[in-house]
């Protein structure tokens, strides 16, 4: 009866973030740590994406492919070495090692570049997965406190413990879900950006293979 009469605003409405943290009990510490880790990863990844977008030079990549089509590998290498575009770097490394194995050189260079887009993603995924689970753990421990207080027999004396148990359950769950939801949005964006980079690399790979063969066939016919 007492639990049912407690308004949610009494538990959450007028409390400061520190009050909510204290009411959430010990489980709030790992939740707080997860939030810091997730925020750090998201900020670092957003800065990385901004830098990568600013260093993209699609026209340089197109000119390198045109030079390869003409058979002017040296010109393509000269343009690639001056560019900060990750596609241009892949092309430059691949063409520099074409006499050994063009395909293996391309795979190695593209693997190194694409790995940069995946850094921190596993950590962010872990935070998104673990946050609601920790919130659920807080719910369980909070309800255990509540039922323990109810089992004491003296409902009036245990009212404070009951209120604390309910608050712990609600706050931990809400914080865990909030971290998961807020982390899911940038995670999906970062994942989409990584997939786009893979698509760009795949497209250039096919184009390079076609142009190399075209250039070799043109040389043979001459």
N, C-alpha and C. Protein backbone atom coordinates (compact mmCIF):
# COMPACT_ATOMS: atom_id res chain seq x y z
N UNK A 1 0.84 -1.20 0.00
CA UNK A 1 0.00 0.00 0.00
C UNK A 1 0.87 1.25 0.00
N UNK A 2 1.90 1.24 0.83
CA UNK A 2 2.78 2.40 0.91
C UNK A 2 3.51 2.59 -0.42
N UNK A 3 4.00 1.49 -1.04
CA UNK A 3 4.72 1.57 -2.30
C UNK A 3 3.83 2.11 -3.39
N UNK A 4 2.59 1.67 -3.43
CA UNK A 4 1.68 2.11 -4.46
C UNK A 4 1.35 3.60 -4.32
N UNK A 5 1.41 4.13 -3.11
CA UNK A 5 1.05 5.53 -2.89
C UNK A 5 2.21 6.48 -3.14
N UNK A 6 3.41 5.94 -3.40
CA UNK A 6 4.56 6.80 -3.62
C UNK A 6 4.55 7.33 -5.04
N UNK A 7 4.42 8.64 -5.25
CA UNK A 7 4.46 9.18 -6.60
C UNK A 7 5.88 9.14 -7.15
N UNK A 8 5.99 8.93 -8.47
CA UNK A 8 7.30 8.88 -9.10
C UNK A 8 8.04 10.21 -8.94
N UNK A 9 7.31 11.30 -8.92
CA UNK A 9 7.95 12.60 -8.78
C UNK A 9 8.68 12.72 -7.44
N UNK A 10 8.15 12.02 -6.43
CA UNK A 10 8.80 12.07 -5.12
C UNK A 10 10.18 11.42 -5.19
N UNK A 11 10.28 10.38 -6.04
CA UNK A 11 11.54 9.65 -6.15
C UNK A 11 12.54 10.37 -7.04
N UNK A 12 12.06 11.00 -8.11
CA UNK A 12 12.97 11.52 -9.11
C UNK A 12 12.84 13.02 -9.35
N UNK A 13 11.64 13.57 -9.11
CA UNK A 13 11.34 14.90 -9.60
C UNK A 13 12.26 16.00 -9.11
N UNK A 14 12.46 16.17 -7.80
CA UNK A 14 13.17 17.31 -7.25
C UNK A 14 14.62 16.99 -6.90
N UNK A 15 15.08 15.82 -7.24
CA UNK A 15 16.44 15.41 -6.87
C UNK A 15 17.46 15.94 -7.87
N UNK A 16 18.63 16.26 -7.36
CA UNK A 16 19.75 16.64 -8.22
C UNK A 16 20.38 15.36 -8.78
N UNK A 17 21.21 15.49 -9.83
CA UNK A 17 21.90 14.30 -10.34
C UNK A 17 22.70 13.56 -9.27
N UNK A 18 23.29 14.30 -8.34
CA UNK A 18 24.04 13.65 -7.27
C UNK A 18 23.11 12.87 -6.35
N UNK A 19 21.93 13.42 -6.08
CA UNK A 19 20.96 12.70 -5.26
C UNK A 19 20.54 11.40 -5.93
N UNK A 20 20.30 11.48 -7.22
CA UNK A 20 19.91 10.28 -7.96
C UNK A 20 21.03 9.26 -7.95
N UNK A 21 22.27 9.74 -8.08
CA UNK A 21 23.42 8.83 -8.07
C UNK A 21 23.52 8.12 -6.72
N UNK A 22 23.31 8.86 -5.64
CA UNK A 22 23.39 8.27 -4.31
C UNK A 22 22.26 7.26 -4.09
N UNK A 23 21.06 7.61 -4.57
CA UNK A 23 19.93 6.69 -4.42
C UNK A 23 20.11 5.42 -5.25
N UNK A 24 20.85 5.53 -6.33
CA UNK A 24 21.07 4.35 -7.17
C UNK A 24 21.99 3.32 -6.55
N UNK A 25 22.65 3.69 -5.46
CA UNK A 25 23.52 2.78 -4.71
C UNK A 25 24.78 2.41 -5.51
N UNK A 26 25.42 1.28 -5.11
CA UNK A 26 26.73 0.91 -5.62
C UNK A 26 26.75 0.63 -7.12
N UNK A 27 25.63 0.17 -7.68
CA UNK A 27 25.61 -0.21 -9.09
C UNK A 27 25.82 1.00 -10.01
N UNK A 28 25.64 2.22 -9.45
CA UNK A 28 25.81 3.42 -10.26
C UNK A 28 27.26 3.68 -10.63
N UNK A 29 28.20 3.16 -9.86
CA UNK A 29 29.61 3.37 -10.17
C UNK A 29 30.02 2.70 -11.48
N UNK A 30 29.75 1.42 -11.68
CA UNK A 30 30.07 0.84 -13.00
C UNK A 30 29.26 1.45 -14.14
N UNK A 31 28.03 1.86 -13.87
CA UNK A 31 27.24 2.53 -14.90
C UNK A 31 27.88 3.87 -15.28
N UNK A 32 28.35 4.59 -14.27
CA UNK A 32 29.03 5.86 -14.53
C UNK A 32 30.31 5.65 -15.33
N UNK A 33 31.06 4.61 -14.97
CA UNK A 33 32.29 4.30 -15.70
C UNK A 33 31.99 3.96 -17.16
N UNK A 34 30.95 3.18 -17.38
CA UNK A 34 30.56 2.85 -18.75
C UNK A 34 30.19 4.10 -19.55
N UNK A 35 29.49 5.02 -18.91
CA UNK A 35 29.10 6.25 -19.60
C UNK A 35 30.32 7.06 -20.00
N UNK A 36 31.33 7.15 -19.12
CA UNK A 36 32.55 7.88 -19.44
C UNK A 36 33.29 7.22 -20.61
N UNK A 37 33.38 5.90 -20.57
CA UNK A 37 34.05 5.18 -21.65
C UNK A 37 33.34 5.39 -22.99
N UNK A 38 32.00 5.28 -22.96
CA UNK A 38 31.22 5.44 -24.18
C UNK A 38 31.37 6.86 -24.74
N UNK A 39 31.29 7.87 -23.87
CA UNK A 39 31.43 9.25 -24.32
C UNK A 39 32.81 9.50 -24.91
N UNK A 40 33.84 8.96 -24.26
CA UNK A 40 35.21 9.12 -24.76
C UNK A 40 35.37 8.52 -26.14
N UNK A 41 34.86 7.29 -26.32
CA UNK A 41 34.97 6.63 -27.62
C UNK A 41 34.21 7.40 -28.69
N UNK A 42 33.00 7.85 -28.36
CA UNK A 42 32.19 8.58 -29.35
C UNK A 42 32.88 9.87 -29.77
N UNK A 43 33.40 10.62 -28.82
CA UNK A 43 34.08 11.88 -29.15
C UNK A 43 35.30 11.63 -30.01
N UNK A 44 36.10 10.62 -29.64
CA UNK A 44 37.31 10.31 -30.41
C UNK A 44 36.96 9.88 -31.83
N UNK A 45 35.90 9.08 -31.97
CA UNK A 45 35.50 8.59 -33.30
C UNK A 45 34.92 9.72 -34.16
N UNK A 46 34.16 10.61 -33.55
CA UNK A 46 33.60 11.74 -34.30
C UNK A 46 34.73 12.64 -34.80
N UNK A 47 35.72 12.90 -33.95
CA UNK A 47 36.88 13.70 -34.38
C UNK A 47 37.60 13.00 -35.52
N UNK A 48 37.74 11.68 -35.43
CA UNK A 48 38.40 10.91 -36.49
C UNK A 48 37.64 11.03 -37.80
N UNK A 49 36.32 10.90 -37.75
CA UNK A 49 35.50 10.98 -38.97
C UNK A 49 35.60 12.37 -39.58
N UNK A 50 35.57 13.40 -38.74
CA UNK A 50 35.69 14.77 -39.25
C UNK A 50 37.02 14.96 -39.97
N UNK A 51 38.11 14.46 -39.37
CA UNK A 51 39.42 14.58 -40.00
C UNK A 51 39.48 13.81 -41.31
N UNK A 52 38.90 12.61 -41.33
CA UNK A 52 38.90 11.82 -42.55
C UNK A 52 38.10 12.50 -43.65
N UNK A 53 36.96 13.06 -43.29
CA UNK A 53 36.13 13.75 -44.29
C UNK A 53 36.86 14.97 -44.86
N UNK A 54 37.59 15.67 -44.00
CA UNK A 54 38.30 16.86 -44.46
C UNK A 54 39.51 16.51 -45.33
N UNK A 55 40.04 15.30 -45.18
CA UNK A 55 41.22 14.90 -45.95
C UNK A 55 40.87 14.14 -47.23
N UNK A 56 39.58 13.89 -47.45
CA UNK A 56 39.18 13.21 -48.69
C UNK A 56 39.47 14.08 -49.90
N UNK A 57 40.07 13.46 -50.92
CA UNK A 57 40.40 14.14 -52.17
C UNK A 57 39.99 13.23 -53.33
N UNK A 58 38.70 13.21 -53.58
CA UNK A 58 38.17 12.32 -54.60
C UNK A 58 38.75 12.61 -55.98
N UNK A 59 39.02 13.90 -56.25
CA UNK A 59 39.56 14.25 -57.57
C UNK A 59 40.96 13.68 -57.76
N UNK A 60 41.74 13.59 -56.68
CA UNK A 60 43.07 13.01 -56.77
C UNK A 60 42.98 11.52 -57.09
N UNK A 61 42.04 10.84 -56.44
CA UNK A 61 41.85 9.41 -56.71
C UNK A 61 41.47 9.20 -58.17
N UNK A 62 40.57 10.04 -58.68
CA UNK A 62 40.16 9.92 -60.08
C UNK A 62 41.33 10.16 -61.03
N UNK A 63 42.16 11.14 -60.71
CA UNK A 63 43.33 11.43 -61.56
C UNK A 63 44.34 10.28 -61.49
N UNK A 64 44.49 9.67 -60.33
CA UNK A 64 45.39 8.52 -60.21
C UNK A 64 44.91 7.36 -61.08
N UNK A 65 43.62 7.12 -61.06
CA UNK A 65 43.06 6.04 -61.88
C UNK A 65 43.21 6.36 -63.36
N UNK A 66 43.05 7.62 -63.72
CA UNK A 66 43.25 8.02 -65.12
C UNK A 66 44.69 7.80 -65.55
N UNK A 67 45.63 8.12 -64.64
CA UNK A 67 47.05 7.90 -64.95
C UNK A 67 47.35 6.41 -65.11
N UNK A 68 46.73 5.59 -64.27
CA UNK A 68 46.92 4.13 -64.39
C UNK A 68 46.37 3.65 -65.73
N UNK A 69 45.25 4.19 -66.13
CA UNK A 69 44.65 3.79 -67.42
C UNK A 69 45.57 4.15 -68.59
N UNK A 70 46.29 5.27 -68.47
CA UNK A 70 47.23 5.67 -69.51
C UNK A 70 48.52 4.88 -69.44
N UNK A 71 48.69 4.15 -68.36
CA UNK A 71 49.93 3.42 -68.17
C UNK A 71 51.02 4.24 -67.50
N UNK A 72 50.70 5.43 -67.03
CA UNK A 72 51.65 6.32 -66.38
C UNK A 72 51.61 6.09 -64.87
N UNK A 73 52.23 5.01 -64.44
CA UNK A 73 52.21 4.63 -63.03
C UNK A 73 52.97 5.64 -62.17
N UNK A 74 54.06 6.18 -62.72
CA UNK A 74 54.87 7.13 -61.95
C UNK A 74 54.06 8.38 -61.60
N UNK A 75 53.24 8.84 -62.54
CA UNK A 75 52.41 10.02 -62.28
C UNK A 75 51.38 9.71 -61.20
N UNK A 76 50.81 8.52 -61.26
CA UNK A 76 49.84 8.11 -60.25
C UNK A 76 50.49 8.05 -58.87
N UNK A 77 51.70 7.51 -58.81
CA UNK A 77 52.40 7.43 -57.53
C UNK A 77 52.76 8.81 -57.00
N UNK A 78 53.14 9.71 -57.89
CA UNK A 78 53.49 11.06 -57.48
C UNK A 78 52.30 11.77 -56.85
N UNK A 79 51.12 11.61 -57.44
CA UNK A 79 49.92 12.23 -56.88
C UNK A 79 49.52 11.57 -55.57
N UNK A 80 49.65 10.24 -55.49
CA UNK A 80 49.24 9.52 -54.30
C UNK A 80 50.08 9.84 -53.08
N UNK A 81 51.39 10.05 -53.29
CA UNK A 81 52.28 10.32 -52.17
C UNK A 81 52.04 11.70 -51.56
N UNK A 82 51.44 12.60 -52.33
CA UNK A 82 51.17 13.94 -51.81
C UNK A 82 49.80 14.04 -51.14
N UNK A 83 48.97 13.04 -51.33
CA UNK A 83 47.59 13.10 -50.82
C UNK A 83 47.47 12.46 -49.45
N UNK A 84 46.53 12.99 -48.66
CA UNK A 84 46.21 12.41 -47.35
C UNK A 84 44.96 11.55 -47.40
N UNK A 85 44.35 11.44 -48.58
CA UNK A 85 43.15 10.63 -48.76
C UNK A 85 43.50 9.16 -48.53
N UNK A 86 42.67 8.45 -47.73
CA UNK A 86 43.02 7.06 -47.41
C UNK A 86 42.93 6.15 -48.63
N UNK A 87 42.06 6.48 -49.59
CA UNK A 87 41.99 5.70 -50.83
C UNK A 87 43.25 5.91 -51.65
N UNK A 88 43.71 7.17 -51.72
CA UNK A 88 44.93 7.48 -52.46
C UNK A 88 46.13 6.77 -51.83
N UNK A 89 46.16 6.68 -50.51
CA UNK A 89 47.25 5.97 -49.83
C UNK A 89 47.25 4.49 -50.20
N UNK A 90 46.06 3.91 -50.26
CA UNK A 90 45.94 2.49 -50.62
C UNK A 90 46.44 2.27 -52.04
N UNK A 91 46.01 3.14 -52.95
CA UNK A 91 46.44 3.03 -54.34
C UNK A 91 47.95 3.20 -54.46
N UNK A 92 48.48 4.17 -53.74
CA UNK A 92 49.92 4.45 -53.80
C UNK A 92 50.73 3.24 -53.33
N UNK A 93 50.33 2.65 -52.21
CA UNK A 93 51.04 1.47 -51.69
C UNK A 93 50.92 0.29 -52.65
N UNK A 94 49.73 0.10 -53.20
CA UNK A 94 49.50 -1.02 -54.10
C UNK A 94 50.34 -0.89 -55.36
N UNK A 95 50.35 0.29 -55.95
CA UNK A 95 51.11 0.50 -57.17
C UNK A 95 52.62 0.43 -56.93
N UNK A 96 53.05 0.84 -55.74
CA UNK A 96 54.48 0.78 -55.41
C UNK A 96 54.98 -0.66 -55.31
N UNK A 97 54.07 -1.58 -54.97
CA UNK A 97 54.45 -2.98 -54.80
C UNK A 97 53.82 -3.88 -55.86
N UNK A 98 53.45 -3.29 -57.00
CA UNK A 98 52.76 -4.06 -58.04
C UNK A 98 53.64 -5.14 -58.64
N UNK A 99 54.97 -4.93 -58.63
CA UNK A 99 55.85 -5.92 -59.23
C UNK A 99 55.93 -7.20 -58.41
N UNK A 100 55.55 -7.12 -57.15
CA UNK A 100 55.54 -8.31 -56.30
C UNK A 100 54.16 -8.97 -56.33
N UNK A 101 53.15 -8.23 -55.92
CA UNK A 101 51.77 -8.74 -55.96
C UNK A 101 50.83 -7.57 -55.74
N UNK A 102 50.19 -7.13 -56.81
CA UNK A 102 49.30 -5.98 -56.72
C UNK A 102 48.12 -6.26 -55.80
N UNK A 103 47.53 -7.45 -55.95
CA UNK A 103 46.35 -7.79 -55.15
C UNK A 103 46.68 -7.89 -53.67
N UNK A 104 47.80 -8.55 -53.33
CA UNK A 104 48.18 -8.68 -51.93
C UNK A 104 48.53 -7.33 -51.31
N UNK A 105 49.20 -6.49 -52.09
CA UNK A 105 49.54 -5.16 -51.60
C UNK A 105 48.28 -4.34 -51.34
N UNK A 106 47.30 -4.46 -52.23
CA UNK A 106 46.05 -3.72 -52.05
C UNK A 106 45.31 -4.23 -50.82
N UNK A 107 45.27 -5.54 -50.63
CA UNK A 107 44.58 -6.12 -49.48
C UNK A 107 45.24 -5.66 -48.18
N UNK A 108 46.58 -5.67 -48.16
CA UNK A 108 47.29 -5.25 -46.95
C UNK A 108 47.05 -3.78 -46.64
N UNK A 109 47.16 -2.93 -47.65
CA UNK A 109 46.98 -1.49 -47.43
C UNK A 109 45.54 -1.17 -47.04
N UNK A 110 44.58 -1.78 -47.73
CA UNK A 110 43.18 -1.51 -47.41
C UNK A 110 42.82 -2.03 -46.02
N UNK A 111 43.39 -3.17 -45.64
CA UNK A 111 43.14 -3.70 -44.30
C UNK A 111 43.62 -2.76 -43.21
N UNK A 112 44.80 -2.17 -43.42
CA UNK A 112 45.33 -1.24 -42.43
C UNK A 112 44.49 0.02 -42.34
N UNK A 113 44.04 0.52 -43.48
CA UNK A 113 43.24 1.75 -43.47
C UNK A 113 41.85 1.50 -42.89
N UNK A 114 41.22 0.40 -43.27
CA UNK A 114 39.87 0.12 -42.77
C UNK A 114 39.87 -0.20 -41.29
N UNK A 115 40.99 -0.75 -40.79
CA UNK A 115 41.09 -1.04 -39.35
C UNK A 115 40.99 0.24 -38.54
N UNK A 116 41.43 1.36 -39.11
CA UNK A 116 41.34 2.64 -38.41
C UNK A 116 39.89 3.05 -38.21
N UNK A 117 39.02 2.66 -39.14
CA UNK A 117 37.60 3.01 -39.02
C UNK A 117 36.90 2.15 -37.97
N UNK A 118 37.48 1.01 -37.62
CA UNK A 118 36.85 0.11 -36.66
C UNK A 118 37.37 0.27 -35.24
N UNK A 119 38.38 1.10 -35.06
CA UNK A 119 38.95 1.28 -33.73
C UNK A 119 37.89 1.85 -32.77
N UNK A 120 37.79 1.23 -31.60
CA UNK A 120 36.87 1.69 -30.58
C UNK A 120 35.44 1.19 -30.74
N UNK A 121 35.11 0.60 -31.91
CA UNK A 121 33.75 0.15 -32.13
C UNK A 121 33.37 -1.01 -31.21
N UNK A 122 34.31 -1.92 -30.97
CA UNK A 122 34.03 -3.04 -30.07
C UNK A 122 33.79 -2.55 -28.65
N UNK A 123 34.57 -1.54 -28.24
CA UNK A 123 34.40 -0.97 -26.90
C UNK A 123 33.04 -0.30 -26.76
N UNK A 124 32.65 0.47 -27.78
CA UNK A 124 31.35 1.14 -27.74
C UNK A 124 30.21 0.12 -27.76
N UNK A 125 30.36 -0.93 -28.53
CA UNK A 125 29.35 -1.99 -28.58
C UNK A 125 29.21 -2.66 -27.21
N UNK A 126 30.33 -2.88 -26.54
CA UNK A 126 30.30 -3.48 -25.21
C UNK A 126 29.58 -2.57 -24.21
N UNK A 127 29.83 -1.27 -24.28
CA UNK A 127 29.15 -0.32 -23.39
C UNK A 127 27.65 -0.33 -23.62
N UNK A 128 27.24 -0.35 -24.89
CA UNK A 128 25.81 -0.35 -25.22
C UNK A 128 25.14 -1.62 -24.71
N UNK A 129 25.85 -2.74 -24.79
CA UNK A 129 25.28 -4.02 -24.35
C UNK A 129 25.26 -4.14 -22.82
N UNK A 130 26.35 -3.68 -22.19
CA UNK A 130 26.49 -3.88 -20.75
C UNK A 130 25.65 -2.90 -19.93
N UNK A 131 25.41 -1.69 -20.45
CA UNK A 131 24.70 -0.66 -19.67
C UNK A 131 23.31 -1.11 -19.22
N UNK A 132 22.44 -1.59 -20.13
CA UNK A 132 21.12 -2.04 -19.65
C UNK A 132 21.19 -3.27 -18.76
N UNK A 133 22.21 -4.10 -18.95
CA UNK A 133 22.36 -5.28 -18.07
C UNK A 133 22.71 -4.83 -16.66
N UNK A 134 23.58 -3.83 -16.55
CA UNK A 134 23.89 -3.30 -15.22
C UNK A 134 22.66 -2.63 -14.62
N UNK A 135 21.87 -1.95 -15.46
CA UNK A 135 20.62 -1.37 -14.97
C UNK A 135 19.68 -2.43 -14.46
N UNK A 136 19.62 -3.55 -15.17
CA UNK A 136 18.78 -4.66 -14.72
C UNK A 136 19.29 -5.23 -13.41
N UNK A 137 20.62 -5.31 -13.27
CA UNK A 137 21.19 -5.77 -12.00
C UNK A 137 20.80 -4.83 -10.87
N UNK A 138 20.83 -3.52 -11.15
CA UNK A 138 20.40 -2.55 -10.14
C UNK A 138 18.93 -2.72 -9.79
N UNK A 139 18.10 -3.07 -10.79
CA UNK A 139 16.69 -3.33 -10.51
C UNK A 139 16.52 -4.52 -9.57
N UNK A 140 17.28 -5.56 -9.85
CA UNK A 140 17.18 -6.77 -9.01
C UNK A 140 17.61 -6.48 -7.58
N UNK A 141 18.77 -5.80 -7.43
CA UNK A 141 19.24 -5.51 -6.07
C UNK A 141 18.31 -4.56 -5.34
N UNK A 142 17.75 -3.58 -6.08
CA UNK A 142 16.80 -2.66 -5.46
C UNK A 142 15.54 -3.35 -5.00
N UNK A 143 15.01 -4.24 -5.82
CA UNK A 143 13.80 -4.97 -5.41
C UNK A 143 14.09 -5.93 -4.27
N UNK A 144 15.32 -6.47 -4.24
CA UNK A 144 15.69 -7.32 -3.10
C UNK A 144 15.67 -6.53 -1.81
N UNK A 145 16.14 -5.29 -1.85
CA UNK A 145 16.10 -4.45 -0.66
C UNK A 145 14.65 -4.17 -0.26
N UNK A 146 13.82 -3.92 -1.26
CA UNK A 146 12.41 -3.60 -0.99
C UNK A 146 11.71 -4.78 -0.34
N UNK A 147 11.86 -5.97 -0.91
CA UNK A 147 11.19 -7.14 -0.36
C UNK A 147 11.78 -7.53 0.99
N UNK A 148 13.09 -7.26 1.16
CA UNK A 148 13.69 -7.51 2.47
C UNK A 148 13.09 -6.62 3.53
N UNK A 149 12.82 -5.34 3.16
CA UNK A 149 12.20 -4.42 4.11
C UNK A 149 10.77 -4.82 4.41
N UNK A 150 10.05 -5.28 3.38
CA UNK A 150 8.67 -5.72 3.60
C UNK A 150 8.61 -6.94 4.51
N UNK A 151 9.65 -7.77 4.41
CA UNK A 151 9.65 -8.99 5.23
C UNK A 151 10.03 -8.75 6.66
N UNK A 152 10.42 -7.52 6.97
CA UNK A 152 10.82 -7.25 8.37
C UNK A 152 9.62 -7.17 9.31
N UNK A 153 8.43 -6.97 8.73
CA UNK A 153 7.22 -6.94 9.56
C UNK A 153 6.78 -5.56 9.97
N UNK A 154 7.69 -4.67 10.28
CA UNK A 154 7.36 -3.31 10.71
C UNK A 154 7.37 -2.40 9.48
N UNK A 155 6.22 -2.26 8.82
CA UNK A 155 6.13 -1.50 7.58
C UNK A 155 6.45 -0.03 7.81
N UNK A 156 5.98 0.52 8.93
CA UNK A 156 6.22 1.93 9.19
C UNK A 156 7.69 2.24 9.32
N UNK A 157 8.41 1.41 10.05
CA UNK A 157 9.84 1.65 10.25
C UNK A 157 10.63 1.38 8.98
N UNK A 158 10.10 0.50 8.15
CA UNK A 158 10.84 0.12 6.94
C UNK A 158 10.49 0.98 5.73
N UNK A 159 9.65 2.03 5.93
CA UNK A 159 9.21 2.85 4.79
C UNK A 159 10.39 3.47 4.05
N UNK A 160 11.38 3.94 4.81
CA UNK A 160 12.55 4.55 4.18
C UNK A 160 13.32 3.54 3.34
N UNK A 161 13.46 2.31 3.84
CA UNK A 161 14.17 1.27 3.08
C UNK A 161 13.39 0.87 1.84
N UNK A 162 12.07 0.85 1.94
CA UNK A 162 11.25 0.51 0.79
C UNK A 162 11.39 1.57 -0.30
N UNK A 163 11.32 2.84 0.13
CA UNK A 163 11.49 3.95 -0.82
C UNK A 163 12.86 3.89 -1.49
N UNK A 164 13.88 3.62 -0.70
CA UNK A 164 15.24 3.53 -1.25
C UNK A 164 15.39 2.38 -2.23
N UNK A 165 14.77 1.26 -1.91
CA UNK A 165 14.85 0.11 -2.82
C UNK A 165 14.18 0.38 -4.15
N UNK A 166 13.00 1.00 -4.10
CA UNK A 166 12.29 1.33 -5.35
C UNK A 166 13.09 2.36 -6.15
N UNK A 167 13.63 3.36 -5.48
CA UNK A 167 14.43 4.38 -6.16
C UNK A 167 15.65 3.76 -6.82
N UNK A 168 16.33 2.86 -6.10
CA UNK A 168 17.50 2.19 -6.65
C UNK A 168 17.14 1.42 -7.92
N UNK A 169 16.02 0.71 -7.88
CA UNK A 169 15.60 -0.08 -9.03
C UNK A 169 15.29 0.82 -10.23
N UNK A 170 14.54 1.90 -10.00
CA UNK A 170 14.14 2.79 -11.10
C UNK A 170 15.32 3.56 -11.67
N UNK A 171 16.16 4.10 -10.81
CA UNK A 171 17.27 4.94 -11.26
C UNK A 171 18.29 4.12 -12.04
N UNK A 172 18.67 2.96 -11.52
CA UNK A 172 19.66 2.12 -12.21
C UNK A 172 19.16 1.70 -13.59
N UNK A 173 17.90 1.29 -13.65
CA UNK A 173 17.33 0.88 -14.94
C UNK A 173 17.30 2.04 -15.92
N UNK A 174 16.84 3.20 -15.46
CA UNK A 174 16.74 4.38 -16.32
C UNK A 174 18.11 4.81 -16.84
N UNK A 175 19.11 4.81 -15.99
CA UNK A 175 20.45 5.22 -16.41
C UNK A 175 21.06 4.23 -17.40
N UNK A 176 20.88 2.93 -17.12
CA UNK A 176 21.40 1.92 -18.04
C UNK A 176 20.77 2.03 -19.41
N UNK A 177 19.46 2.20 -19.46
CA UNK A 177 18.77 2.34 -20.75
C UNK A 177 19.17 3.64 -21.45
N UNK A 178 19.35 4.71 -20.68
CA UNK A 178 19.72 5.99 -21.29
C UNK A 178 21.09 5.90 -21.96
N UNK A 179 22.04 5.24 -21.30
CA UNK A 179 23.37 5.08 -21.88
C UNK A 179 23.30 4.25 -23.15
N UNK A 180 22.53 3.16 -23.11
CA UNK A 180 22.41 2.29 -24.28
C UNK A 180 21.78 3.03 -25.46
N UNK A 181 20.72 3.78 -25.18
CA UNK A 181 20.02 4.50 -26.26
C UNK A 181 20.90 5.60 -26.83
N UNK A 182 21.54 6.38 -25.97
CA UNK A 182 22.38 7.46 -26.44
C UNK A 182 23.62 6.95 -27.16
N UNK A 183 24.11 5.78 -26.76
CA UNK A 183 25.28 5.22 -27.43
C UNK A 183 24.93 4.55 -28.74
N UNK A 184 23.69 4.09 -28.87
CA UNK A 184 23.29 3.38 -30.09
C UNK A 184 23.25 4.30 -31.30
N UNK A 185 22.87 5.55 -31.11
CA UNK A 185 22.76 6.49 -32.23
C UNK A 185 24.13 6.74 -32.88
N UNK A 186 25.16 7.17 -32.13
CA UNK A 186 26.46 7.35 -32.77
C UNK A 186 27.07 6.03 -33.25
N UNK A 187 26.76 4.93 -32.56
CA UNK A 187 27.30 3.63 -32.99
C UNK A 187 26.80 3.28 -34.40
N UNK A 188 25.53 3.47 -34.63
CA UNK A 188 24.98 3.17 -35.95
C UNK A 188 25.56 4.09 -37.02
N UNK A 189 25.75 5.36 -36.67
CA UNK A 189 26.36 6.29 -37.63
C UNK A 189 27.79 5.88 -37.95
N UNK A 190 28.57 5.57 -36.91
CA UNK A 190 29.97 5.19 -37.11
C UNK A 190 30.07 3.88 -37.89
N UNK A 191 29.16 2.96 -37.62
CA UNK A 191 29.15 1.70 -38.33
C UNK A 191 28.82 1.92 -39.81
N UNK A 192 27.86 2.82 -40.07
CA UNK A 192 27.50 3.13 -41.45
C UNK A 192 28.67 3.80 -42.17
N UNK A 193 29.40 4.65 -41.47
CA UNK A 193 30.57 5.31 -42.07
C UNK A 193 31.66 4.30 -42.39
N UNK A 194 31.84 3.31 -41.53
CA UNK A 194 32.81 2.25 -41.78
C UNK A 194 32.41 1.41 -42.99
N UNK A 195 31.13 1.10 -43.10
CA UNK A 195 30.64 0.34 -44.25
C UNK A 195 30.81 1.13 -45.55
N UNK A 196 30.61 2.44 -45.48
CA UNK A 196 30.81 3.27 -46.66
C UNK A 196 32.27 3.27 -47.09
N UNK A 197 33.18 3.30 -46.12
CA UNK A 197 34.60 3.23 -46.44
C UNK A 197 34.95 1.90 -47.10
N UNK A 198 34.36 0.81 -46.61
CA UNK A 198 34.59 -0.49 -47.22
C UNK A 198 34.09 -0.51 -48.66
N UNK A 199 32.92 0.10 -48.88
CA UNK A 199 32.36 0.16 -50.22
C UNK A 199 33.25 0.98 -51.16
N UNK A 200 33.78 2.08 -50.66
CA UNK A 200 34.68 2.91 -51.47
C UNK A 200 35.95 2.15 -51.84
N UNK A 201 36.49 1.41 -50.88
CA UNK A 201 37.69 0.63 -51.15
C UNK A 201 37.40 -0.48 -52.16
N UNK A 202 36.28 -1.15 -51.99
CA UNK A 202 35.90 -2.21 -52.92
C UNK A 202 35.72 -1.67 -54.34
N UNK A 203 35.09 -0.50 -54.46
CA UNK A 203 34.88 0.10 -55.78
C UNK A 203 36.20 0.45 -56.45
N UNK A 204 37.13 1.02 -55.69
CA UNK A 204 38.44 1.37 -56.24
C UNK A 204 39.23 0.11 -56.60
N UNK A 205 39.07 -0.94 -55.82
CA UNK A 205 39.75 -2.21 -56.11
C UNK A 205 39.34 -2.75 -57.47
N UNK A 206 38.03 -2.76 -57.71
CA UNK A 206 37.55 -3.25 -59.01
C UNK A 206 38.01 -2.34 -60.14
N UNK A 207 37.95 -1.04 -59.92
CA UNK A 207 38.37 -0.10 -60.96
C UNK A 207 39.85 -0.26 -61.27
N UNK A 208 40.69 -0.42 -60.24
CA UNK A 208 42.12 -0.57 -60.44
C UNK A 208 42.44 -1.84 -61.23
N UNK A 209 41.78 -2.92 -60.90
CA UNK A 209 42.00 -4.19 -61.61
C UNK A 209 41.64 -4.05 -63.09
N UNK A 210 40.51 -3.42 -63.37
CA UNK A 210 40.08 -3.24 -64.76
C UNK A 210 41.06 -2.36 -65.53
N UNK A 211 41.49 -1.25 -64.90
CA UNK A 211 42.37 -0.30 -65.59
C UNK A 211 43.76 -0.88 -65.81
N UNK A 212 44.26 -1.66 -64.85
CA UNK A 212 45.57 -2.30 -65.01
C UNK A 212 45.54 -3.27 -66.20
N UNK A 213 44.49 -4.07 -66.28
CA UNK A 213 44.38 -5.02 -67.39
C UNK A 213 44.21 -4.29 -68.72
N UNK A 214 43.43 -3.20 -68.69
CA UNK A 214 43.24 -2.42 -69.90
C UNK A 214 44.57 -1.82 -70.37
N UNK A 215 45.35 -1.31 -69.38
CA UNK A 215 46.64 -0.72 -69.70
C UNK A 215 47.61 -1.75 -70.26
N UNK A 216 47.60 -2.95 -69.66
CA UNK A 216 48.49 -4.01 -70.13
C UNK A 216 48.09 -4.48 -71.53
N UNK A 217 46.81 -4.59 -71.77
CA UNK A 217 46.34 -5.00 -73.09
C UNK A 217 46.69 -3.95 -74.14
N UNK A 218 46.59 -2.67 -73.77
CA UNK A 218 46.94 -1.61 -74.69
C UNK A 218 48.41 -1.63 -75.04
N UNK A 219 49.25 -1.96 -74.07
CA UNK A 219 50.69 -2.03 -74.30
C UNK A 219 51.03 -3.20 -75.23
N UNK A 220 50.31 -4.30 -75.06
CA UNK A 220 50.56 -5.47 -75.89
C UNK A 220 50.19 -5.19 -77.35
N UNK A 221 49.06 -4.51 -77.56
CA UNK A 221 48.60 -4.22 -78.91
C UNK A 221 49.54 -3.26 -79.64
N UNK A 222 50.18 -2.38 -78.86
CA UNK A 222 51.11 -1.45 -79.49
C UNK A 222 52.35 -2.19 -79.96
